[in-house]
Every structure is written in structure tokens, then in C-alpha cells.
Amino acid sequence: MKKTTIHQLWEYYRVKVLTLGAPPIQVRECQQAFYAGIASIMGEMFKIGTPDFTEEEGEQIVQEYMDELTFYVEAFKLRHGITTPCH
């Protein structure tokens, strides 16, 4: 399995989503939001298997996150006329 770093994910996002020639402040703020989002999700994932969340509850939470992300991505694609997979 090939490891993908968070930086690589950010670069993919930056190329696919940010407008070419976006001002540096926009790039910085988007990068901060991107990394904050990753940190938030990772914080929640590390709770799985602790007294806060059983493994079963964790599986349900992960599925709910995936459902929400899928909904968001599909809405984004529709708004922007994208017909190809976003991955």
C-alpha cells in the first residue's frame, strides 16, 4: 500500500479546487482550513475504541462522516458541472 501524506492530499486539493493564480492569502487560508479539517477528523477518529465511543459506535460515526462527505462532494460537482470522479 502506498502512503499518501497530508501534504500530498493538500496539493491535490489545491490543484483541483483553488483557482489558478489565487492570491497567496487565499491559498494560506484554504490550507489552514484544510489542515484544521484533517485535525478535527483525526481527533474524533482517535476517540474510537475509548470509553467515549465503542468500536461499533465508531463504525457508525465513520459511516456518517462518509455519507456527509459524499453528499457534499456530489452537491459540489453538481454546482460546478463536474461529471468525473473527485478523487
PDB file of N, CA and C in Angstrom:
ATOM      1  N   MET A   1       0.842  -1.179   0.000  1.00  0.00           N
ATOM      2  CA  MET A   1       0.000   0.000   0.000  1.00  0.00           C
ATOM      3  C   MET A   1       0.888   1.243   0.000  1.00  0.00           C
ATOM      4  N   LYS A   2       0.596   2.166  -0.904  1.00  0.00           N
ATOM      5  CA  LYS A   2       1.361   3.400  -0.987  1.00  0.00           C
ATOM      6  C   LYS A   2       0.781   4.433  -0.025  1.00  0.00           C
ATOM      7  N   LYS A   3       1.640   4.996   0.796  1.00  0.00           N
ATOM      8  CA  LYS A   3       1.218   6.003   1.769  1.00  0.00           C
ATOM      9  C   LYS A   3       1.039   7.345   1.073  1.00  0.00           C
ATOM     10  N   THR A   4      -0.071   8.017   1.366  1.00  0.00           N
ATOM     11  CA  THR A   4      -0.312   9.366   0.894  1.00  0.00           C
ATOM     12  C   THR A   4      -0.211  10.286   2.099  1.00  0.00           C
ATOM     13  N   THR A   5       0.620  11.301   1.994  1.00  0.00           N
ATOM     14  CA  THR A   5       0.780  12.237   3.107  1.00  0.00           C
ATOM     15  C   THR A   5      -0.329  13.282   3.088  1.00  0.00           C
ATOM     16  N   ILE A   6      -0.517  13.943   4.204  1.00  0.00           N
ATOM     17  CA  ILE A   6      -1.493  15.032   4.269  1.00  0.00           C
ATOM     18  C   ILE A   6      -1.067  16.144   3.307  1.00  0.00           C
ATOM     19  N   HIS A   7       0.229  16.385   3.217  1.00  0.00           N
ATOM     20  CA  HIS A   7       0.722  17.398   2.278  1.00  0.00           C
ATOM     21  C   HIS A   7       0.333  17.045   0.837  1.00  0.00           C
ATOM     22  N   GLN A   8       0.450  15.781   0.473  1.00  0.00           N
ATOM     23  CA  GLN A   8       0.060  15.361  -0.873  1.00  0.00           C
ATOM     24  C   GLN A   8      -1.436  15.563  -1.086  1.00  0.00           C
ATOM     25  N   LEU A   9      -2.235  15.255  -0.070  1.00  0.00           N
ATOM     26  CA  LEU A   9      -3.676  15.495  -0.171  1.00  0.00           C
ATOM     27  C   LEU A   9      -3.960  16.982  -0.359  1.00  0.00           C
ATOM     28  N   TRP A  10      -3.247  17.823   0.399  1.00  0.00           N
ATOM     29  CA  TRP A  10      -3.413  19.265   0.267  1.00  0.00           C
ATOM     30  C   TRP A  10      -3.045  19.721  -1.152  1.00  0.00           C
ATOM     31  N   GLU A  11      -1.931  19.246  -1.675  1.00  0.00           N
ATOM     32  CA  GLU A  11      -1.507  19.648  -3.018  1.00  0.00           C
ATOM     33  C   GLU A  11      -2.533  19.234  -4.066  1.00  0.00           C
ATOM     34  N   TYR A  12      -3.091  18.043  -3.929  1.00  0.00           N
ATOM     35  CA  TYR A  12      -4.134  17.582  -4.843  1.00  0.00           C
ATOM     36  C   TYR A  12      -5.339  18.516  -4.760  1.00  0.00           C
ATOM     37  N   TYR A  13      -5.770  18.823  -3.551  1.00  0.00           N
ATOM     38  CA  TYR A  13      -6.891  19.731  -3.334  1.00  0.00           C
ATOM     39  C   TYR A  13      -6.582  21.105  -3.941  1.00  0.00           C
ATOM     40  N   ARG A  14      -5.393  21.620  -3.660  1.00  0.00           N
ATOM     41  CA  ARG A  14      -5.011  22.945  -4.145  1.00  0.00           C
ATOM     42  C   ARG A  14      -5.096  23.005  -5.668  1.00  0.00           C
ATOM     43  N   VAL A  15      -4.580  22.008  -6.356  1.00  0.00           N
ATOM     44  CA  VAL A  15      -4.583  21.981  -7.812  1.00  0.00           C
ATOM     45  C   VAL A  15      -6.001  21.825  -8.365  1.00  0.00           C
ATOM     46  N   LYS A  16      -6.794  20.976  -7.738  1.00  0.00           N
ATOM     47  CA  LYS A  16      -8.129  20.673  -8.264  1.00  0.00           C
ATOM     48  C   LYS A  16      -9.179  21.716  -7.914  1.00  0.00           C
ATOM     49  N   VAL A  17      -9.021  22.400  -6.779  1.00  0.00           N
ATOM     50  CA  VAL A  17     -10.102  23.256  -6.284  1.00  0.00           C
ATOM     51  C   VAL A  17      -9.787  24.745  -6.363  1.00  0.00           C
ATOM     52  N   LEU A  18      -8.574  25.124  -5.996  1.00  0.00           N
ATOM     53  CA  LEU A  18      -8.259  26.558  -5.986  1.00  0.00           C
ATOM     54  C   LEU A  18      -8.067  27.079  -7.408  1.00  0.00           C
ATOM     55  N   THR A  19      -8.518  28.285  -7.620  1.00  0.00           N
ATOM     56  CA  THR A  19      -8.363  28.930  -8.913  1.00  0.00           C
ATOM     57  C   THR A  19      -6.879  29.160  -9.195  1.00  0.00           C
ATOM     58  N   LEU A  20      -6.472  28.860 -10.417  1.00  0.00           N
ATOM     59  CA  LEU A  20      -5.098  29.106 -10.814  1.00  0.00           C
ATOM     60  C   LEU A  20      -4.788  30.585 -10.613  1.00  0.00           C
ATOM     61  N   GLY A  21      -3.703  30.883  -9.954  1.00  0.00           N
ATOM     62  CA  GLY A  21      -3.333  32.266  -9.691  1.00  0.00           C
ATOM     63  C   GLY A  21      -4.039  32.883  -8.492  1.00  0.00           C
ATOM     64  N   ALA A  22      -4.634  32.015  -7.631  1.00  0.00           N
ATOM     65  CA  ALA A  22      -5.288  32.532  -6.419  1.00  0.00           C
ATOM     66  C   ALA A  22      -4.264  33.316  -5.610  1.00  0.00           C
ATOM     67  N   PRO A  23      -4.683  34.423  -4.986  1.00  0.00           N
ATOM     68  CA  PRO A  23      -3.733  35.203  -4.195  1.00  0.00           C
ATOM     69  C   PRO A  23      -3.175  34.388  -3.029  1.00  0.00           C
ATOM     70  N   PRO A  24      -1.951  34.676  -2.624  1.00  0.00           N
ATOM     71  CA  PRO A  24      -1.307  33.919  -1.540  1.00  0.00           C
ATOM     72  C   PRO A  24      -2.141  33.854  -0.261  1.00  0.00           C
ATOM     73  N   ILE A  25      -2.841  34.921   0.075  1.00  0.00           N
ATOM     74  CA  ILE A  25      -3.664  34.901   1.303  1.00  0.00           C
ATOM     75  C   ILE A  25      -4.781  33.863   1.190  1.00  0.00           C
ATOM     76  N   GLN A  26      -5.374  33.738   0.002  1.00  0.00           N
ATOM     77  CA  GLN A  26      -6.428  32.739  -0.201  1.00  0.00           C
ATOM     78  C   GLN A  26      -5.851  31.328  -0.083  1.00  0.00           C
ATOM     79  N   VAL A  27      -4.690  31.113  -0.665  1.00  0.00           N
ATOM     80  CA  VAL A  27      -4.048  29.802  -0.590  1.00  0.00           C
ATOM     81  C   VAL A  27      -3.733  29.464   0.862  1.00  0.00           C
ATOM     82  N   ARG A  28      -3.158  30.421   1.594  1.00  0.00           N
ATOM     83  CA  ARG A  28      -2.812  30.195   3.005  1.00  0.00           C
ATOM     84  C   ARG A  28      -4.052  29.873   3.834  1.00  0.00           C
ATOM     85  N   GLU A  29      -5.118  30.668   3.643  1.00  0.00           N
ATOM     86  CA  GLU A  29      -6.326  30.446   4.444  1.00  0.00           C
ATOM     87  C   GLU A  29      -6.994  29.123   4.099  1.00  0.00           C
ATOM     88  N   CYS A  30      -6.983  28.759   2.833  1.00  0.00           N
ATOM     89  CA  CYS A  30      -7.534  27.460   2.446  1.00  0.00           C
ATOM     90  C   CYS A  30      -6.698  26.318   3.021  1.00  0.00           C
ATOM     91  N   GLN A  31      -5.378  26.494   3.013  1.00  0.00           N
ATOM     92  CA  GLN A  31      -4.507  25.458   3.568  1.00  0.00           C
ATOM     93  C   GLN A  31      -4.747  25.312   5.070  1.00  0.00           C
ATOM     94  N   GLN A  32      -4.897  26.420   5.757  1.00  0.00           N
ATOM     95  CA  GLN A  32      -5.170  26.357   7.195  1.00  0.00           C
ATOM     96  C   GLN A  32      -6.502  25.639   7.456  1.00  0.00           C
ATOM     97  N   ALA A  33      -7.517  25.957   6.680  1.00  0.00           N
ATOM     98  CA  ALA A  33      -8.815  25.298   6.846  1.00  0.00           C
ATOM     99  C   ALA A  33      -8.712  23.808   6.514  1.00  0.00           C
ATOM    100  N   PHE A  34      -7.971  23.467   5.474  1.00  0.00           N
ATOM    101  CA  PHE A  34      -7.787  22.073   5.080  1.00  0.00           C
ATOM    102  C   PHE A  34      -7.143  21.272   6.212  1.00  0.00           C
ATOM    103  N   TYR A  35      -6.029  21.790   6.735  1.00  0.00           N
ATOM    104  CA  TYR A  35      -5.329  21.093   7.820  1.00  0.00           C
ATOM    105  C   TYR A  35      -6.171  21.060   9.100  1.00  0.00           C
ATOM    106  N   ALA A  36      -6.926  22.122   9.365  1.00  0.00           N
ATOM    107  CA  ALA A  36      -7.804  22.126  10.544  1.00  0.00           C
ATOM    108  C   ALA A  36      -8.880  21.055  10.410  1.00  0.00           C
ATOM    109  N   GLY A  37      -9.400  20.892   9.213  1.00  0.00           N
ATOM    110  CA  GLY A  37     -10.401  19.851   8.978  1.00  0.00           C
ATOM    111  C   GLY A  37      -9.827  18.462   9.205  1.00  0.00           C
ATOM    112  N   ILE A  38      -8.627  18.232   8.691  1.00  0.00           N
ATOM    113  CA  ILE A  38      -7.959  16.938   8.906  1.00  0.00           C
ATOM    114  C   ILE A  38      -7.745  16.708  10.402  1.00  0.00           C
ATOM    115  N   ALA A  39      -7.275  17.738  11.099  1.00  0.00           N
ATOM    116  CA  ALA A  39      -7.018  17.603  12.541  1.00  0.00           C
ATOM    117  C   ALA A  39      -8.296  17.299  13.305  1.00  0.00           C
ATOM    118  N   SER A  40      -9.389  17.940  12.921  1.00  0.00           N
ATOM    119  CA  SER A  40     -10.673  17.697  13.591  1.00  0.00           C
ATOM    120  C   SER A  40     -11.126  16.256  13.420  1.00  0.00           C
ATOM    121  N   ILE A  41     -11.070  15.774  12.204  1.00  0.00           N
ATOM    122  CA  ILE A  41     -11.486  14.394  11.932  1.00  0.00           C
ATOM    123  C   ILE A  41     -10.575  13.404  12.656  1.00  0.00           C
ATOM    124  N   MET A  42      -9.266  13.647  12.596  1.00  0.00           N
ATOM    125  CA  MET A  42      -8.336  12.733  13.269  1.00  0.00           C
ATOM    126  C   MET A  42      -8.591  12.712  14.771  1.00  0.00           C
ATOM    127  N   GLY A  43      -8.876  13.864  15.347  1.00  0.00           N
ATOM    128  CA  GLY A  43      -9.183  13.920  16.776  1.00  0.00           C
ATOM    129  C   GLY A  43     -10.381  13.049  17.122  1.00  0.00           C
ATOM    130  N   GLU A  44     -11.398  13.101  16.270  1.00  0.00           N
ATOM    131  CA  GLU A  44     -12.583  12.265  16.501  1.00  0.00           C
ATOM    132  C   GLU A  44     -12.265  10.788  16.291  1.00  0.00           C
ATOM    133  N   MET A  45     -11.466  10.479  15.278  1.00  0.00           N
ATOM    134  CA  MET A  45     -11.137   9.083  14.991  1.00  0.00           C
ATOM    135  C   MET A  45     -10.355   8.446  16.141  1.00  0.00           C
ATOM    136  N   PHE A  46      -9.477   9.227  16.779  1.00  0.00           N
ATOM    137  CA  PHE A  46      -8.685   8.679  17.881  1.00  0.00           C
ATOM    138  C   PHE A  46      -9.528   8.388  19.119  1.00  0.00           C
ATOM    139  N   LYS A  47     -10.756   8.889  19.159  1.00  0.00           N
ATOM    140  CA  LYS A  47     -11.650   8.585  20.282  1.00  0.00           C
ATOM    141  C   LYS A  47     -12.280   7.200  20.158  1.00  0.00           C
ATOM    142  N   ILE A  48     -12.282   6.653  18.943  1.00  0.00           N
ATOM    143  CA  ILE A  48     -12.911   5.348  18.722  1.00  0.00           C
ATOM    144  C   ILE A  48     -12.146   4.281  19.494  1.00  0.00           C
ATOM    145  N   GLY A  49     -12.891   3.433  20.182  1.00  0.00           N
ATOM    146  CA  GLY A  49     -12.286   2.380  20.984  1.00  0.00           C
ATOM    147  C   GLY A  49     -11.945   2.813  22.395  1.00  0.00           C
ATOM    148  N   THR A  50     -12.281   4.054  22.734  1.00  0.00           N
ATOM    149  CA  THR A  50     -12.091   4.557  24.094  1.00  0.00           C
ATOM    150  C   THR A  50     -13.437   4.482  24.802  1.00  0.00           C
ATOM    151  N   PRO A  51     -13.474   4.784  26.089  1.00  0.00           N
ATOM    152  CA  PRO A  51     -14.765   4.779  26.779  1.00  0.00           C
ATOM    153  C   PRO A  51     -15.807   5.729  26.151  1.00  0.00           C
ATOM    154  N   ASP A  52     -15.331   6.756  25.396  1.00  0.00           N
ATOM    155  CA  ASP A  52     -16.270   7.683  24.747  1.00  0.00           C
ATOM    156  C   ASP A  52     -17.044   7.032  23.607  1.00  0.00           C
ATOM    157  N   PHE A  53     -16.375   6.153  22.844  1.00  0.00           N
ATOM    158  CA  PHE A  53     -17.000   5.527  21.680  1.00  0.00           C
ATOM    159  C   PHE A  53     -16.563   4.078  21.579  1.00  0.00           C
ATOM    160  N   THR A  54     -17.525   3.167  21.567  1.00  0.00           N
ATOM    161  CA  THR A  54     -17.202   1.755  21.334  1.00  0.00           C
ATOM    162  C   THR A  54     -16.797   1.597  19.867  1.00  0.00           C
ATOM    163  N   GLU A  55     -16.263   0.451  19.530  1.00  0.00           N
ATOM    164  CA  GLU A  55     -15.904   0.180  18.131  1.00  0.00           C
ATOM    165  C   GLU A  55     -17.141   0.277  17.235  1.00  0.00           C
ATOM    166  N   GLU A  56     -18.258  -0.257  17.703  1.00  0.00           N
ATOM    167  CA  GLU A  56     -19.496  -0.221  16.914  1.00  0.00           C
ATOM    168  C   GLU A  56     -19.960   1.211  16.698  1.00  0.00           C
ATOM    169  N   GLU A  57     -19.919   2.020  17.752  1.00  0.00           N
ATOM    170  CA  GLU A  57     -20.298   3.428  17.620  1.00  0.00           C
ATOM    171  C   GLU A  57     -19.327   4.147  16.679  1.00  0.00           C
ATOM    172  N   GLY A  58     -18.066   3.785  16.771  1.00  0.00           N
ATOM    173  CA  GLY A  58     -17.060   4.376  15.898  1.00  0.00           C
ATOM    174  C   GLY A  58     -17.321   4.075  14.436  1.00  0.00           C
ATOM    175  N   GLU A  59     -17.692   2.827  14.152  1.00  0.00           N
ATOM    176  CA  GLU A  59     -18.018   2.458  12.773  1.00  0.00           C
ATOM    177  C   GLU A  59     -19.194   3.282  12.263  1.00  0.00           C
ATOM    178  N   GLN A  60     -20.189   3.479  13.116  1.00  0.00           N
ATOM    179  CA  GLN A  60     -21.356   4.269  12.730  1.00  0.00           C
ATOM    180  C   GLN A  60     -20.961   5.728  12.482  1.00  0.00           C
ATOM    181  N   ILE A  61     -20.108   6.277  13.335  1.00  0.00           N
ATOM    182  CA  ILE A  61     -19.654   7.660  13.181  1.00  0.00           C
ATOM    183  C   ILE A  61     -18.884   7.817  11.867  1.00  0.00           C
ATOM    184  N   VAL A  62     -17.982   6.880  11.589  1.00  0.00           N
ATOM    185  CA  VAL A  62     -17.204   6.951  10.344  1.00  0.00           C
ATOM    186  C   VAL A  62     -18.144   6.882   9.144  1.00  0.00           C
ATOM    187  N   GLN A  63     -19.127   6.012   9.183  1.00  0.00           N
ATOM    188  CA  GLN A  63     -20.076   5.905   8.073  1.00  0.00           C
ATOM    189  C   GLN A  63     -20.857   7.205   7.904  1.00  0.00           C
ATOM    190  N   GLU A  64     -21.258   7.819   9.009  1.00  0.00           N
ATOM    191  CA  GLU A  64     -21.977   9.094   8.932  1.00  0.00           C
ATOM    192  C   GLU A  64     -21.092  10.186   8.337  1.00  0.00           C
ATOM    193  N   TYR A  65     -19.808  10.208   8.709  1.00  0.00           N
ATOM    194  CA  TYR A  65     -18.872  11.170   8.115  1.00  0.00           C
ATOM    195  C   TYR A  65     -18.774  10.946   6.609  1.00  0.00           C
ATOM    196  N   MET A  66     -18.633   9.675   6.209  1.00  0.00           N
ATOM    197  CA  MET A  66     -18.517   9.372   4.782  1.00  0.00           C
ATOM    198  C   MET A  66     -19.784   9.769   4.029  1.00  0.00           C
ATOM    199  N   ASP A  67     -20.951   9.515   4.620  1.00  0.00           N
ATOM    200  CA  ASP A  67     -22.209   9.898   3.979  1.00  0.00           C
ATOM    201  C   ASP A  67     -22.292  11.415   3.795  1.00  0.00           C
ATOM    202  N   GLU A  68     -21.902  12.153   4.831  1.00  0.00           N
ATOM    203  CA  GLU A  68     -21.935  13.612   4.760  1.00  0.00           C
ATOM    204  C   GLU A  68     -20.948  14.125   3.706  1.00  0.00           C
ATOM    205  N   LEU A  69     -19.747  13.553   3.677  1.00  0.00           N
ATOM    206  CA  LEU A  69     -18.758  13.967   2.678  1.00  0.00           C
ATOM    207  C   LEU A  69     -19.222  13.647   1.258  1.00  0.00           C
ATOM    208  N   THR A  70     -19.807  12.479   1.078  1.00  0.00           N
ATOM    209  CA  THR A  70     -20.316  12.099  -0.244  1.00  0.00           C
ATOM    210  C   THR A  70     -21.385  13.076  -0.693  1.00  0.00           C
ATOM    211  N   PHE A  71     -22.297  13.429   0.206  1.00  0.00           N
ATOM    212  CA  PHE A  71     -23.347  14.392  -0.117  1.00  0.00           C
ATOM    213  C   PHE A  71     -22.739  15.731  -0.526  1.00  0.00           C
ATOM    214  N   TYR A  72     -21.749  16.197   0.241  1.00  0.00           N
ATOM    215  CA  TYR A  72     -21.106  17.479  -0.054  1.00  0.00           C
ATOM    216  C   TYR A  72     -20.408  17.443  -1.415  1.00  0.00           C
ATOM    217  N   VAL A  73     -19.646  16.386  -1.670  1.00  0.00           N
ATOM    218  CA  VAL A  73     -18.910  16.275  -2.934  1.00  0.00           C
ATOM    219  C   VAL A  73     -19.875  16.231  -4.112  1.00  0.00           C
ATOM    220  N   GLU A  74     -20.933  15.463  -3.992  1.00  0.00           N
ATOM    221  CA  GLU A  74     -21.896  15.371  -5.085  1.00  0.00           C
ATOM    222  C   GLU A  74     -22.576  16.720  -5.336  1.00  0.00           C
ATOM    223  N   ALA A  75     -22.909  17.450  -4.281  1.00  0.00           N
ATOM    224  CA  ALA A  75     -23.509  18.780  -4.435  1.00  0.00           C
ATOM    225  C   ALA A  75     -22.512  19.738  -5.084  1.00  0.00           C
ATOM    226  N   PHE A  76     -21.239  19.663  -4.682  1.00  0.00           N
ATOM    227  CA  PHE A  76     -20.189  20.490  -5.268  1.00  0.00           C
ATOM    228  C   PHE A  76     -20.072  20.207  -6.756  1.00  0.00           C
ATOM    229  N   LYS A  77     -20.024  18.935  -7.113  1.00  0.00           N
ATOM    230  CA  LYS A  77     -19.904  18.553  -8.515  1.00  0.00           C
ATOM    231  C   LYS A  77     -21.097  19.080  -9.316  1.00  0.00           C
ATOM    232  N   LEU A  78     -22.278  18.966  -8.776  1.00  0.00           N
ATOM    233  CA  LEU A  78     -23.479  19.441  -9.458  1.00  0.00           C
ATOM    234  C   LEU A  78     -23.422  20.955  -9.680  1.00  0.00           C
ATOM    235  N   ARG A  79     -23.020  21.702  -8.637  1.00  0.00           N
ATOM    236  CA  ARG A  79     -22.936  23.159  -8.750  1.00  0.00           C
ATOM    237  C   ARG A  79     -21.937  23.602  -9.793  1.00  0.00           C
ATOM    238  N   HIS A  80     -20.877  22.800  -9.977  1.00  0.00           N
ATOM    239  CA  HIS A  80     -19.788  23.201 -10.854  1.00  0.00           C
ATOM    240  C   HIS A  80     -19.754  22.415 -12.171  1.00  0.00           C
ATOM    241  N   GLY A  81     -20.774  21.615 -12.428  1.00  0.00           N
ATOM    242  CA  GLY A  81     -20.851  20.885 -13.683  1.00  0.00           C
ATOM    243  C   GLY A  81     -19.766  19.837 -13.861  1.00  0.00           C
ATOM    244  N   ILE A  82     -19.299  19.268 -12.782  1.00  0.00           N
ATOM    245  CA  ILE A  82     -18.244  18.251 -12.836  1.00  0.00           C
ATOM    246  C   ILE A  82     -18.896  16.880 -12.988  1.00  0.00           C
ATOM    247  N   THR A  83     -18.431  16.138 -13.981  1.00  0.00           N
ATOM    248  CA  THR A  83     -19.011  14.810 -14.221  1.00  0.00           C
ATOM    249  C   THR A  83     -18.032  13.683 -13.946  1.00  0.00           C
ATOM    250  N   THR A  84     -16.771  14.015 -13.692  1.00  0.00           N
ATOM    251  CA  THR A  84     -15.762  12.986 -13.431  1.00  0.00           C
ATOM    252  C   THR A  84     -15.642  12.748 -11.921  1.00  0.00           C
ATOM    253  N   PRO A  85     -15.131  11.590 -11.529  1.00  0.00           N
ATOM    254  CA  PRO A  85     -14.941  11.329 -10.090  1.00  0.00           C
ATOM    255  C   PRO A  85     -14.019  12.368  -9.461  1.00  0.00           C
ATOM    256  N   CYS A  86     -14.278  12.707  -8.208  1.00  0.00           N
ATOM    257  CA  CYS A  86     -13.458  13.680  -7.472  1.00  0.00           C
ATOM    258  C   CYS A  86     -12.503  12.958  -6.544  1.00  0.00           C
ATOM    259  N   HIS A  87     -11.627  12.165  -7.060  1.00  0.00           N
ATOM    260  CA  HIS A  87     -10.593  11.507  -6.242  1.00  0.00           C
ATOM    261  C   HIS A  87      -9.369  11.240  -7.048  1.00  0.00           C
TER     262      HIS A  87
END
